Amino acid sequence: MVQIVEVLGRSTQGITRLFIYRGEDENTYFVKGTGAGRRSQVCEWIAGNLATELGLPIAPFEIVDVPVELVEIDSQQ
């Protein structure tokens, strides 16, 4: 699990308007918030793992931990 360390902004595209963060590994992550719904998040995780197992070309994905302090910053944007 990657620890998120910085808020970079919010996507202007897509229905869920993904959050954009920087992880402790210096990579940029587009993260679905809880507004997307837990079911949607779980389905995406399962589909990503299935696609990986089948050797399909997909973008890298990861579960991340967003500290409460950063979530509070996001809610103000």
N, C-alpha and C. Protein backbone atom coordinates (compact mmCIF):
# COMPACT_ATOMS: atom_id res chain seq x y z
N MET A 1 0.86 -1.18 0.00
CA MET A 1 0.00 0.00 0.00
C MET A 1 0.90 1.24 0.00
N VAL A 2 0.54 2.19 -0.83
CA VAL A 2 1.30 3.43 -0.96
C VAL A 2 0.69 4.50 -0.06
N GLN A 3 1.52 5.18 0.69
CA GLN A 3 1.08 6.30 1.53
C GLN A 3 1.05 7.57 0.68
N ILE A 4 -0.06 8.28 0.70
CA ILE A 4 -0.19 9.54 -0.02
C ILE A 4 0.40 10.65 0.85
N VAL A 5 1.18 11.56 0.20
CA VAL A 5 1.86 12.61 0.96
C VAL A 5 1.49 14.03 0.52
N GLU A 6 0.85 14.17 -0.66
CA GLU A 6 0.57 15.52 -1.15
C GLU A 6 -0.66 15.54 -2.04
N VAL A 7 -1.47 16.58 -1.88
CA VAL A 7 -2.63 16.81 -2.74
C VAL A 7 -2.16 17.63 -3.93
N LEU A 8 -2.41 17.14 -5.14
CA LEU A 8 -2.04 17.87 -6.35
C LEU A 8 -3.23 18.57 -6.99
N GLY A 9 -4.44 18.09 -6.71
CA GLY A 9 -5.62 18.72 -7.29
C GLY A 9 -6.73 17.72 -7.52
N ARG A 10 -7.60 18.09 -8.44
CA ARG A 10 -8.76 17.27 -8.75
C ARG A 10 -8.92 17.24 -10.26
N SER A 11 -9.26 16.10 -10.80
CA SER A 11 -9.46 15.96 -12.24
C SER A 11 -10.69 16.75 -12.67
N THR A 12 -10.61 17.37 -13.83
CA THR A 12 -11.77 18.10 -14.36
C THR A 12 -12.58 17.22 -15.30
N GLN A 13 -12.10 16.01 -15.54
CA GLN A 13 -12.78 15.09 -16.45
C GLN A 13 -13.37 13.92 -15.68
N GLY A 14 -14.38 13.33 -16.26
CA GLY A 14 -15.00 12.14 -15.67
C GLY A 14 -16.09 12.49 -14.68
N ILE A 15 -16.97 11.55 -14.49
CA ILE A 15 -18.12 11.74 -13.59
C ILE A 15 -17.69 11.82 -12.14
N THR A 16 -16.71 10.99 -11.75
CA THR A 16 -16.31 10.94 -10.33
C THR A 16 -15.28 12.00 -9.96
N ARG A 17 -14.76 12.76 -10.95
CA ARG A 17 -13.76 13.81 -10.69
C ARG A 17 -12.69 13.30 -9.72
N LEU A 18 -11.86 12.43 -10.22
CA LEU A 18 -10.83 11.80 -9.41
C LEU A 18 -9.94 12.81 -8.71
N PHE A 19 -9.43 12.42 -7.54
CA PHE A 19 -8.46 13.22 -6.82
C PHE A 19 -7.07 12.89 -7.36
N ILE A 20 -6.20 13.89 -7.42
CA ILE A 20 -4.84 13.68 -7.91
C ILE A 20 -3.89 13.89 -6.73
N TYR A 21 -3.12 12.85 -6.42
CA TYR A 21 -2.21 12.88 -5.28
C TYR A 21 -0.81 12.46 -5.69
N ARG A 22 0.16 12.78 -4.83
CA ARG A 22 1.52 12.27 -4.98
C ARG A 22 1.76 11.30 -3.82
N GLY A 23 2.33 10.14 -4.16
CA GLY A 23 2.62 9.14 -3.15
C GLY A 23 4.02 9.28 -2.60
N GLU A 24 4.29 8.54 -1.52
CA GLU A 24 5.62 8.57 -0.91
C GLU A 24 6.68 8.03 -1.87
N ASP A 25 6.25 7.30 -2.88
CA ASP A 25 7.17 6.76 -3.89
C ASP A 25 7.41 7.74 -5.04
N GLU A 26 6.88 8.98 -4.90
CA GLU A 26 7.03 10.06 -5.88
C GLU A 26 6.18 9.88 -7.14
N ASN A 27 5.35 8.86 -7.21
CA ASN A 27 4.45 8.67 -8.35
C ASN A 27 3.18 9.49 -8.14
N THR A 28 2.51 9.81 -9.25
CA THR A 28 1.24 10.52 -9.21
C THR A 28 0.12 9.50 -9.29
N TYR A 29 -0.91 9.68 -8.45
CA TYR A 29 -2.03 8.75 -8.40
C TYR A 29 -3.34 9.48 -8.61
N PHE A 30 -4.21 8.91 -9.44
CA PHE A 30 -5.57 9.38 -9.62
C PHE A 30 -6.44 8.46 -8.78
N VAL A 31 -7.13 9.04 -7.78
CA VAL A 31 -7.80 8.24 -6.75
C VAL A 31 -9.29 8.52 -6.75
N LYS A 32 -10.08 7.44 -6.76
CA LYS A 32 -11.53 7.57 -6.60
C LYS A 32 -11.83 7.84 -5.13
N GLY A 33 -12.67 8.82 -4.86
CA GLY A 33 -13.08 9.10 -3.49
C GLY A 33 -14.24 8.21 -3.09
N THR A 34 -14.69 8.36 -1.85
CA THR A 34 -15.80 7.54 -1.37
C THR A 34 -17.10 7.87 -2.10
N GLY A 35 -17.16 9.03 -2.74
CA GLY A 35 -18.35 9.39 -3.51
C GLY A 35 -18.61 8.45 -4.67
N ALA A 36 -17.56 7.77 -5.13
CA ALA A 36 -17.72 6.80 -6.21
C ALA A 36 -18.47 5.56 -5.73
N GLY A 37 -18.49 5.37 -4.42
CA GLY A 37 -19.16 4.20 -3.85
C GLY A 37 -18.19 3.05 -3.66
N ARG A 38 -18.32 2.38 -2.54
CA ARG A 38 -17.43 1.27 -2.21
C ARG A 38 -17.53 0.16 -3.25
N ARG A 39 -18.75 -0.12 -3.71
CA ARG A 39 -18.93 -1.19 -4.70
C ARG A 39 -18.12 -0.91 -5.96
N SER A 40 -18.16 0.33 -6.42
CA SER A 40 -17.41 0.72 -7.61
C SER A 40 -15.91 0.52 -7.40
N GLN A 41 -15.43 0.89 -6.23
CA GLN A 41 -14.00 0.73 -5.93
C GLN A 41 -13.60 -0.75 -5.90
N VAL A 42 -14.42 -1.57 -5.28
CA VAL A 42 -14.13 -3.00 -5.20
C VAL A 42 -14.18 -3.64 -6.59
N CYS A 43 -15.18 -3.28 -7.38
CA CYS A 43 -15.29 -3.83 -8.74
C CYS A 43 -14.07 -3.45 -9.58
N GLU A 44 -13.60 -2.22 -9.43
CA GLU A 44 -12.43 -1.79 -10.19
C GLU A 44 -11.18 -2.57 -9.77
N TRP A 45 -11.04 -2.82 -8.47
CA TRP A 45 -9.90 -3.59 -7.96
C TRP A 45 -9.93 -5.02 -8.50
N ILE A 46 -11.10 -5.64 -8.46
CA ILE A 46 -11.24 -7.02 -8.97
C ILE A 46 -10.95 -7.06 -10.47
N ALA A 47 -11.54 -6.13 -11.22
CA ALA A 47 -11.33 -6.10 -12.67
C ALA A 47 -9.86 -5.87 -13.01
N GLY A 48 -9.19 -4.99 -12.28
CA GLY A 48 -7.78 -4.74 -12.51
C GLY A 48 -6.92 -5.97 -12.28
N ASN A 49 -7.23 -6.70 -11.21
CA ASN A 49 -6.47 -7.92 -10.92
C ASN A 49 -6.75 -9.01 -11.95
N LEU A 50 -8.00 -9.13 -12.38
CA LEU A 50 -8.32 -10.11 -13.42
C LEU A 50 -7.60 -9.77 -14.73
N ALA A 51 -7.61 -8.51 -15.10
CA ALA A 51 -6.94 -8.08 -16.33
C ALA A 51 -5.44 -8.37 -16.25
N THR A 52 -4.85 -8.13 -15.10
CA THR A 52 -3.42 -8.41 -14.91
C THR A 52 -3.14 -9.90 -15.09
N GLU A 53 -3.96 -10.73 -14.46
CA GLU A 53 -3.79 -12.19 -14.56
C GLU A 53 -3.95 -12.69 -15.99
N LEU A 54 -4.82 -12.03 -16.75
CA LEU A 54 -5.05 -12.43 -18.14
C LEU A 54 -4.04 -11.81 -19.10
N GLY A 55 -3.15 -10.98 -18.57
CA GLY A 55 -2.12 -10.36 -19.40
C GLY A 55 -2.63 -9.23 -20.28
N LEU A 56 -3.75 -8.65 -19.92
CA LEU A 56 -4.31 -7.55 -20.71
C LEU A 56 -3.55 -6.25 -20.42
N PRO A 57 -3.45 -5.38 -21.41
CA PRO A 57 -2.74 -4.11 -21.21
C PRO A 57 -3.62 -3.11 -20.44
N ILE A 58 -3.26 -2.85 -19.20
CA ILE A 58 -3.99 -1.87 -18.39
C ILE A 58 -2.97 -0.96 -17.69
N ALA A 59 -3.44 0.18 -17.26
CA ALA A 59 -2.58 1.09 -16.50
C ALA A 59 -2.26 0.47 -15.14
N PRO A 60 -1.08 0.75 -14.61
CA PRO A 60 -0.74 0.25 -13.27
C PRO A 60 -1.75 0.78 -12.25
N PHE A 61 -2.04 -0.02 -11.24
CA PHE A 61 -2.97 0.42 -10.20
C PHE A 61 -2.46 -0.02 -8.84
N GLU A 62 -2.94 0.64 -7.81
CA GLU A 62 -2.44 0.40 -6.46
C GLU A 62 -3.50 0.83 -5.46
N ILE A 63 -3.52 0.19 -4.30
CA ILE A 63 -4.34 0.69 -3.19
C ILE A 63 -3.48 1.70 -2.46
N VAL A 64 -4.08 2.85 -2.14
CA VAL A 64 -3.33 3.90 -1.46
C VAL A 64 -4.00 4.26 -0.14
N ASP A 65 -3.22 4.82 0.76
CA ASP A 65 -3.73 5.30 2.04
C ASP A 65 -3.63 6.82 2.04
N VAL A 66 -4.79 7.47 2.15
CA VAL A 66 -4.83 8.93 2.17
C VAL A 66 -5.06 9.37 3.62
N PRO A 67 -4.09 10.08 4.22
CA PRO A 67 -4.26 10.55 5.60
C PRO A 67 -5.47 11.47 5.75
N VAL A 68 -6.08 11.43 6.92
CA VAL A 68 -7.27 12.24 7.20
C VAL A 68 -7.01 13.72 6.92
N GLU A 69 -5.82 14.21 7.25
CA GLU A 69 -5.50 15.62 7.05
C GLU A 69 -5.63 16.00 5.57
N LEU A 70 -5.22 15.11 4.67
CA LEU A 70 -5.30 15.40 3.24
C LEU A 70 -6.73 15.29 2.74
N VAL A 71 -7.52 14.41 3.32
CA VAL A 71 -8.93 14.30 2.95
C VAL A 71 -9.64 15.60 3.31
N GLU A 72 -9.30 16.19 4.45
CA GLU A 72 -9.91 17.45 4.87
C GLU A 72 -9.55 18.57 3.90
N ILE A 73 -8.33 18.59 3.39
CA ILE A 73 -7.93 19.59 2.40
C ILE A 73 -8.77 19.42 1.14
N ASP A 74 -8.97 18.15 0.72
CA ASP A 74 -9.76 17.88 -0.48
C ASP A 74 -11.19 18.37 -0.34
N SER A 75 -11.77 18.21 0.84
CA SER A 75 -13.17 18.59 1.02
C SER A 75 -13.35 20.11 0.93
N GLN A 76 -12.26 20.86 1.08
CA GLN A 76 -12.32 22.32 0.98
C GLN A 76 -12.18 22.80 -0.46
N GLN A 77 -11.79 21.92 -1.38
CA GLN A 77 -11.58 22.32 -2.78
C GLN A 77 -12.86 22.25 -3.56
